[in-house]
C-alpha atoms as a PDB file:
ATOM      1  CA  UNK A   1     121.715  24.393 138.281  1.00  0.00           C
ATOM      2  CA  UNK A   2     119.387  25.137 141.187  1.00  0.00           C
ATOM      3  CA  UNK A   3     118.145  21.977 142.804  1.00  0.00           C
ATOM      4  CA  UNK A   4     121.089  20.535 144.688  1.00  0.00           C
ATOM      5  CA  UNK A   5     120.674  22.813 147.697  1.00  0.00           C
ATOM      6  CA  UNK A   6     117.113  21.600 148.222  1.00  0.00           C
ATOM      7  CA  UNK A   7     116.545  17.837 148.175  1.00  0.00           C
ATOM      8  CA  UNK A   8     113.046  16.850 147.111  1.00  0.00           C
ATOM      9  CA  UNK A   9     111.538  16.392 150.539  1.00  0.00           C
ATOM     10  CA  UNK A  10     112.558  19.877 151.696  1.00  0.00           C
ATOM     11  CA  UNK A  11     111.792  21.847 148.547  1.00  0.00           C
ATOM     12  CA  UNK A  12     108.696  23.181 150.289  1.00  0.00           C
ATOM     13  CA  UNK A  13     110.714  24.847 153.014  1.00  0.00           C
ATOM     14  CA  UNK A  14     113.108  26.336 150.514  1.00  0.00           C
ATOM     15  CA  UNK A  15     110.253  28.627 149.578  1.00  0.00           C
ATOM     16  CA  UNK A  16     110.486  30.227 152.969  1.00  0.00           C
ATOM     17  CA  UNK A  17     114.211  30.809 152.858  1.00  0.00           C
ATOM     18  CA  UNK A  18     114.908  31.627 149.314  1.00  0.00           C
ATOM     19  CA  UNK A  19     116.685  31.554 149.065  1.00  0.00           C
ATOM     20  CA  UNK A  20     115.114  33.542 149.648  1.00  0.00           C
ATOM     21  CA  UNK A  21     114.311  37.013 151.142  1.00  0.00           C
ATOM     22  CA  UNK A  22     112.740  38.581 154.271  1.00  0.00           C
ATOM     23  CA  UNK A  23     111.755  42.170 155.286  1.00  0.00           C
ATOM     24  CA  UNK A  24     113.088  44.948 157.500  1.00  0.00           C
ATOM     25  CA  UNK A  25     110.878  47.886 156.567  1.00  0.00           C
ATOM     26  CA  UNK A  26     108.353  48.625 159.290  1.00  0.00           C
ATOM     27  CA  UNK A  27     109.698  45.969 161.675  1.00  0.00           C
ATOM     28  CA  UNK A  28     111.356  47.054 164.896  1.00  0.00           C
ATOM     29  CA  UNK A  29     115.024  46.313 165.491  1.00  0.00           C
ATOM     30  CA  UNK A  30     115.910  43.681 168.076  1.00  0.00           C
ATOM     31  CA  UNK A  31     117.931  40.556 168.567  1.00  0.00           C
ATOM     32  CA  UNK A  32     118.778  38.525 165.445  1.00  0.00           C
ATOM     33  CA  UNK A  33     116.228  35.802 166.151  1.00  0.00           C
ATOM     34  CA  UNK A  34     113.485  38.334 166.922  1.00  0.00           C
ATOM     35  CA  UNK A  35     114.000  40.159 163.638  1.00  0.00           C
ATOM     36  CA  UNK A  36     114.075  36.973 161.585  1.00  0.00           C
ATOM     37  CA  UNK A  37     110.965  35.553 163.248  1.00  0.00           C
ATOM     38  CA  UNK A  38     108.915  38.721 162.860  1.00  0.00           C
ATOM     39  CA  UNK A  39     109.894  39.022 159.228  1.00  0.00           C
ATOM     40  CA  UNK A  40     109.123  35.400 158.455  1.00  0.00           C
ATOM     41  CA  UNK A  41     105.767  35.769 160.224  1.00  0.00           C
ATOM     42  CA  UNK A  42     105.033  38.848 158.110  1.00  0.00           C
ATOM     43  CA  UNK A  43     105.836  36.936 154.938  1.00  0.00           C
ATOM     44  CA  UNK A  44     103.638  33.997 155.866  1.00  0.00           C
ATOM     45  CA  UNK A  45     100.805  36.329 156.904  1.00  0.00           C
ATOM     46  CA  UNK A  46     101.013  37.946 153.473  1.00  0.00           C
ATOM     47  CA  UNK A  47     100.832  34.534 151.824  1.00  0.00           C
ATOM     48  CA  UNK A  48      97.596  33.803 153.692  1.00  0.00           C
ATOM     49  CA  UNK A  49      96.047  37.252 153.157  1.00  0.00           C
ATOM     50  CA  UNK A  50      92.482  36.621 151.846  1.00  0.00           C
ATOM     51  CA  UNK A  51      92.780  39.645 149.563  1.00  0.00           C
ATOM     52  CA  UNK A  52      95.708  38.003 147.772  1.00  0.00           C
ATOM     53  CA  UNK A  53      94.267  34.534 147.213  1.00  0.00           C
ATOM     54  CA  UNK A  54      93.426  32.999 143.857  1.00  0.00           C
ATOM     55  CA  UNK A  55      95.271  32.638 140.572  1.00  0.00           C
ATOM     56  CA  UNK A  56      94.300  36.153 139.517  1.00  0.00           C
ATOM     57  CA  UNK A  57      96.239  37.553 142.506  1.00  0.00           C
ATOM     58  CA  UNK A  58      99.270  35.293 142.196  1.00  0.00           C
ATOM     59  CA  UNK A  59     101.613  37.970 140.849  1.00  0.00           C
ATOM     60  CA  UNK A  60     100.484  40.512 143.441  1.00  0.00           C
ATOM     61  CA  UNK A  61     101.006  37.932 146.173  1.00  0.00           C
ATOM     62  CA  UNK A  62     104.502  37.080 144.971  1.00  0.00           C
ATOM     63  CA  UNK A  63     105.372  40.760 144.548  1.00  0.00           C
ATOM     64  CA  UNK A  64     104.331  41.431 148.136  1.00  0.00           C
ATOM     65  CA  UNK A  65     106.291  38.476 149.470  1.00  0.00           C
ATOM     66  CA  UNK A  66     109.340  39.439 147.443  1.00  0.00           C
ATOM     67  CA  UNK A  67     109.190  43.010 148.718  1.00  0.00           C
ATOM     68  CA  UNK A  68     109.000  41.782 152.299  1.00  0.00           C
ATOM     69  CA  UNK A  69     111.815  39.310 151.881  1.00  0.00           C
ATOM     70  CA  UNK A  70     114.167  41.485 149.873  1.00  0.00           C
ATOM     71  CA  UNK A  71     115.399  43.602 152.767  1.00  0.00           C
ATOM     72  CA  UNK A  72     116.420  40.738 155.045  1.00  0.00           C
ATOM     73  CA  UNK A  73     118.907  39.061 152.718  1.00  0.00           C
ATOM     74  CA  UNK A  74     122.307  40.563 151.974  1.00  0.00           C
ATOM     75  CA  UNK A  75     122.432  39.770 148.261  1.00  0.00           C
ATOM     76  CA  UNK A  76     125.748  41.529 147.802  1.00  0.00           C
ATOM     77  CA  UNK A  77     127.343  39.264 150.399  1.00  0.00           C
ATOM     78  CA  UNK A  78     125.620  36.219 148.917  1.00  0.00           C
ATOM     79  CA  UNK A  79     126.914  37.084 145.465  1.00  0.00           C
ATOM     80  CA  UNK A  80     130.445  37.639 146.704  1.00  0.00           C
ATOM     81  CA  UNK A  81     130.500  34.374 148.631  1.00  0.00           C
ATOM     82  CA  UNK A  82     129.056  32.277 145.806  1.00  0.00           C
ATOM     83  CA  UNK A  83     131.599  33.553 143.273  1.00  0.00           C
ATOM     84  CA  UNK A  84     134.600  33.286 145.600  1.00  0.00           C
ATOM     85  CA  UNK A  85     137.835  34.588 144.074  1.00  0.00           C
ATOM     86  CA  UNK A  86     136.107  35.374 140.772  1.00  0.00           C
ATOM     87  CA  UNK A  87     134.345  38.257 142.526  1.00  0.00           C
ATOM     88  CA  UNK A  88     137.631  40.121 143.059  1.00  0.00           C
ATOM     89  CA  UNK A  89     138.299  40.389 139.329  1.00  0.00           C
ATOM     90  CA  UNK A  90     134.903  41.811 138.393  1.00  0.00           C
ATOM     91  CA  UNK A  91     134.013  45.406 137.709  1.00  0.00           C
ATOM     92  CA  UNK A  92     131.332  47.150 139.782  1.00  0.00           C
ATOM     93  CA  UNK A  93     128.902  46.823 136.871  1.00  0.00           C
ATOM     94  CA  UNK A  94     129.581  43.089 136.505  1.00  0.00           C
ATOM     95  CA  UNK A  95     129.080  42.556 140.232  1.00  0.00           C
ATOM     96  CA  UNK A  96     125.801  44.455 140.180  1.00  0.00           C
ATOM     97  CA  UNK A  97     124.515  42.464 137.214  1.00  0.00           C
ATOM     98  CA  UNK A  98     125.459  39.147 138.782  1.00  0.00           C
ATOM     99  CA  UNK A  99     123.842  40.025 142.114  1.00  0.00           C
ATOM    100  CA  UNK A 100     120.658  41.118 140.341  1.00  0.00           C
ATOM    101  CA  UNK A 101     120.452  37.897 138.325  1.00  0.00           C
ATOM    102  CA  UNK A 102     121.313  35.682 141.291  1.00  0.00           C
ATOM    103  CA  UNK A 103     118.573  37.334 143.323  1.00  0.00           C
ATOM    104  CA  UNK A 104     116.029  36.751 140.551  1.00  0.00           C
ATOM    105  CA  UNK A 105     117.159  33.138 140.265  1.00  0.00           C
ATOM    106  CA  UNK A 106     116.547  32.528 143.969  1.00  0.00           C
ATOM    107  CA  UNK A 107     113.186  34.242 143.879  1.00  0.00           C
ATOM    108  CA  UNK A 108     111.944  32.362 140.836  1.00  0.00           C
ATOM    109  CA  UNK A 109     113.309  29.031 142.048  1.00  0.00           C
ATOM    110  CA  UNK A 110     111.683  28.938 145.450  1.00  0.00           C
ATOM    111  CA  UNK A 111     108.866  31.443 145.890  1.00  0.00           C
ATOM    112  CA  UNK A 112     106.357  29.327 143.981  1.00  0.00           C
ATOM    113  CA  UNK A 113     106.356  26.886 146.924  1.00  0.00           C
ATOM    114  CA  UNK A 114     105.856  29.384 149.724  1.00  0.00           C
ATOM    115  CA  UNK A 115     102.046  29.359 149.414  1.00  0.00           C
ATOM    116  CA  UNK A 116     101.978  25.958 151.104  1.00  0.00           C
ATOM    117  CA  UNK A 117     103.561  27.179 154.329  1.00  0.00           C
ATOM    118  CA  UNK A 118     101.966  28.440 157.538  1.00  0.00           C
ATOM    119  CA  UNK A 119     103.334  30.194 160.607  1.00  0.00           C
ATOM    120  CA  UNK A 120     103.234  26.886 162.474  1.00  0.00           C
ATOM    121  CA  UNK A 121     105.728  25.263 160.099  1.00  0.00           C
ATOM    122  CA  UNK A 122     108.779  26.941 161.634  1.00  0.00           C
ATOM    123  CA  UNK A 123     110.151  26.403 165.153  1.00  0.00           C
ATOM    124  CA  UNK A 124     112.924  28.678 166.413  1.00  0.00           C
ATOM    125  CA  UNK A 125     115.318  26.800 168.688  1.00  0.00           C
ATOM    126  CA  UNK A 126     118.218  29.107 169.518  1.00  0.00           C
ATOM    127  CA  UNK A 127     120.708  31.669 168.290  1.00  0.00           C
ATOM    128  CA  UNK A 128     124.441  31.039 168.427  1.00  0.00           C
ATOM    129  CA  UNK A 129     126.825  33.980 168.678  1.00  0.00           C
ATOM    130  CA  UNK A 130     129.698  33.682 166.210  1.00  0.00           C
ATOM    131  CA  UNK A 131     131.085  37.172 166.835  1.00  0.00           C
ATOM    132  CA  UNK A 132     129.764  40.576 167.893  1.00  0.00           C
ATOM    133  CA  UNK A 133     128.196  41.077 164.473  1.00  0.00           C
ATOM    134  CA  UNK A 134     127.424  37.517 163.339  1.00  0.00           C
ATOM    135  CA  UNK A 135     124.998  34.881 164.618  1.00  0.00           C
ATOM    136  CA  UNK A 136     123.597  31.536 163.537  1.00  0.00           C
ATOM    137  CA  UNK A 137     119.864  31.120 164.102  1.00  0.00           C
ATOM    138  CA  UNK A 138     118.839  27.482 164.450  1.00  0.00           C
ATOM    139  CA  UNK A 139     115.313  26.511 163.392  1.00  0.00           C
ATOM    140  CA  UNK A 140     113.296  23.458 162.427  1.00  0.00           C
ATOM    141  CA  UNK A 141     110.838  23.279 159.541  1.00  0.00           C
ATOM    142  CA  UNK A 142     107.867  20.966 160.042  1.00  0.00           C
ATOM    143  CA  UNK A 143     106.769  19.405 156.756  1.00  0.00           C
ATOM    144  CA  UNK A 144     103.218  18.348 155.942  1.00  0.00           C
ATOM    145  CA  UNK A 145     104.122  14.735 156.797  1.00  0.00           C
ATOM    146  CA  UNK A 146     105.447  15.861 160.215  1.00  0.00           C
ATOM    147  CA  UNK A 147     109.135  15.472 159.433  1.00  0.00           C
ATOM    148  CA  UNK A 148     111.485  17.988 161.002  1.00  0.00           C
ATOM    149  CA  UNK A 149     114.068  19.632 158.761  1.00  0.00           C
ATOM    150  CA  UNK A 150     116.924  21.517 160.499  1.00  0.00           C
ATOM    151  CA  UNK A 151     117.526  24.925 158.943  1.00  0.00           C
ATOM    152  CA  UNK A 152     120.210  27.382 160.046  1.00  0.00           C
ATOM    153  CA  UNK A 153     120.374  31.040 159.064  1.00  0.00           C
ATOM    154  CA  UNK A 154     123.704  32.848 159.208  1.00  0.00           C
ATOM    155  CA  UNK A 155     123.095  36.546 159.820  1.00  0.00           C
ATOM    156  CA  UNK A 156     125.305  39.609 160.119  1.00  0.00           C
ATOM    157  CA  UNK A 157     124.610  43.034 161.568  1.00  0.00           C
ATOM    158  CA  UNK A 158     124.258  46.096 159.376  1.00  0.00           C
ATOM    159  CA  UNK A 159     123.791  48.956 161.834  1.00  0.00           C
ATOM    160  CA  UNK A 160     121.567  46.760 164.005  1.00  0.00           C
ATOM    161  CA  UNK A 161     119.654  45.287 161.080  1.00  0.00           C
ATOM    162  CA  UNK A 162     120.380  41.553 160.891  1.00  0.00           C
ATOM    163  CA  UNK A 163     120.789  40.324 157.320  1.00  0.00           C
ATOM    164  CA  UNK A 164     121.015  36.742 156.067  1.00  0.00           C
ATOM    165  CA  UNK A 165     124.209  35.842 154.218  1.00  0.00           C
ATOM    166  CA  UNK A 166     123.800  32.061 154.096  1.00  0.00           C
ATOM    167  CA  UNK A 167     121.243  29.355 154.844  1.00  0.00           C
ATOM    168  CA  UNK A 168     121.993  25.734 155.686  1.00  0.00           C
ATOM    169  CA  UNK A 169     119.277  23.136 155.105  1.00  0.00           C
ATOM    170  CA  UNK A 170     120.078  19.767 156.658  1.00  0.00           C
ATOM    171  CA  UNK A 171     123.674  20.932 156.823  1.00  0.00           C
ATOM    172  CA  UNK A 172     123.807  21.888 153.131  1.00  0.00           C
ATOM    173  CA  UNK A 173     124.934  25.482 152.646  1.00  0.00           C
ATOM    174  CA  UNK A 174     123.111  27.503 149.996  1.00  0.00           C
ATOM    175  CA  UNK A 175     126.278  29.521 149.359  1.00  0.00           C
ATOM    176  CA  UNK A 176     128.588  26.519 149.062  1.00  0.00           C
ATOM    177  CA  UNK A 177     126.148  24.694 146.800  1.00  0.00           C
ATOM    178  CA  UNK A 178     125.950  27.558 144.316  1.00  0.00           C
ATOM    179  CA  UNK A 179     129.659  28.301 144.609  1.00  0.00           C
ATOM    180  CA  UNK A 180     130.394  24.729 143.541  1.00  0.00           C
ATOM    181  CA  UNK A 181     128.009  24.988 140.591  1.00  0.00           C
ATOM    182  CA  UNK A 182     129.276  28.384 139.450  1.00  0.00           C
ATOM    183  CA  UNK A 183     132.905  27.310 139.859  1.00  0.00           C
ATOM    184  CA  UNK A 184     132.342  24.334 137.579  1.00  0.00           C
ATOM    185  CA  UNK A 185     130.752  26.572 134.985  1.00  0.00           C
ATOM    186  CA  UNK A 186     133.557  29.131 135.170  1.00  0.00           C
ATOM    187  CA  UNK A 187     136.180  26.421 134.669  1.00  0.00           C
ATOM    188  CA  UNK A 188     134.728  25.840 131.189  1.00  0.00           C
ATOM    189  CA  UNK A 189     133.123  29.145 130.284  1.00  0.00           C
ATOM    190  CA  UNK A 190     133.594  32.877 130.680  1.00  0.00           C
ATOM    191  CA  UNK A 191     131.868  35.024 133.272  1.00  0.00           C
ATOM    192  CA  UNK A 192     129.654  36.527 130.558  1.00  0.00           C
ATOM    193  CA  UNK A 193     128.575  33.019 129.572  1.00  0.00           C
ATOM    194  CA  UNK A 194     127.646  32.364 133.198  1.00  0.00           C
ATOM    195  CA  UNK A 195     125.460  35.473 133.142  1.00  0.00           C
ATOM    196  CA  UNK A 196     123.822  34.212 129.958  1.00  0.00           C
ATOM    197  CA  UNK A 197     123.090  30.878 131.640  1.00  0.00           C
ATOM    198  CA  UNK A 198     121.503  32.666 134.570  1.00  0.00           C
ATOM    199  CA  UNK A 199     119.293  34.743 132.285  1.00  0.00           C
ATOM    200  CA  UNK A 200     118.177  31.634 130.414  1.00  0.00           C
ATOM    201  CA  UNK A 201     117.415  29.768 133.645  1.00  0.00           C
ATOM    202  CA  UNK A 202     115.396  32.684 135.010  1.00  0.00           C
ATOM    203  CA  UNK A 203     113.450  32.868 131.770  1.00  0.00           C
ATOM    204  CA  UNK A 204     112.661  29.138 131.984  1.00  0.00           C
ATOM    205  CA  UNK A 205     111.472  29.431 135.573  1.00  0.00           C
ATOM    206  CA  UNK A 206     109.174  32.324 134.748  1.00  0.00           C
END
């Protein structure tokens, strides 16, 4: 269910975007690119923190990274976009449960790879204004074998805080990829069965 958005040679970078999940708390407000870069730097600094190294600190390290990342992604928007028209027919409780499970899926799918990244892996090229409250931030991820992977973050303003609502890796949209997968599932199964699948997948990844 979760691999199509991240072809094998860019799975490493998916750890940095998963997905996904950067921080706003304690970081000053600024332009979209500035906020994203400072948050990503904070995440990668946490990954390399000597106090959090070793297998015995793995959970603490992932908890810290997750906490940092969680405030930069708009999971509600992600959930709405991935479900498409199905979202409109859901109750508030069903939406909340789906968003919670989708967030856990992204975290458990990609965060295990983030330890291999450094601050030098990401190059910020430019930001493209889509509207007054939406931008695309264009970056390149440098892999260990020196290949450059184009990665674009779509962000929207929430009272001056720029939140990610989609990520494109080599032109492949995270939202569209999951929307296709979820749509196929919902053509054959109920929404509750989709939630069950998500729970099972999360359990497997853990």
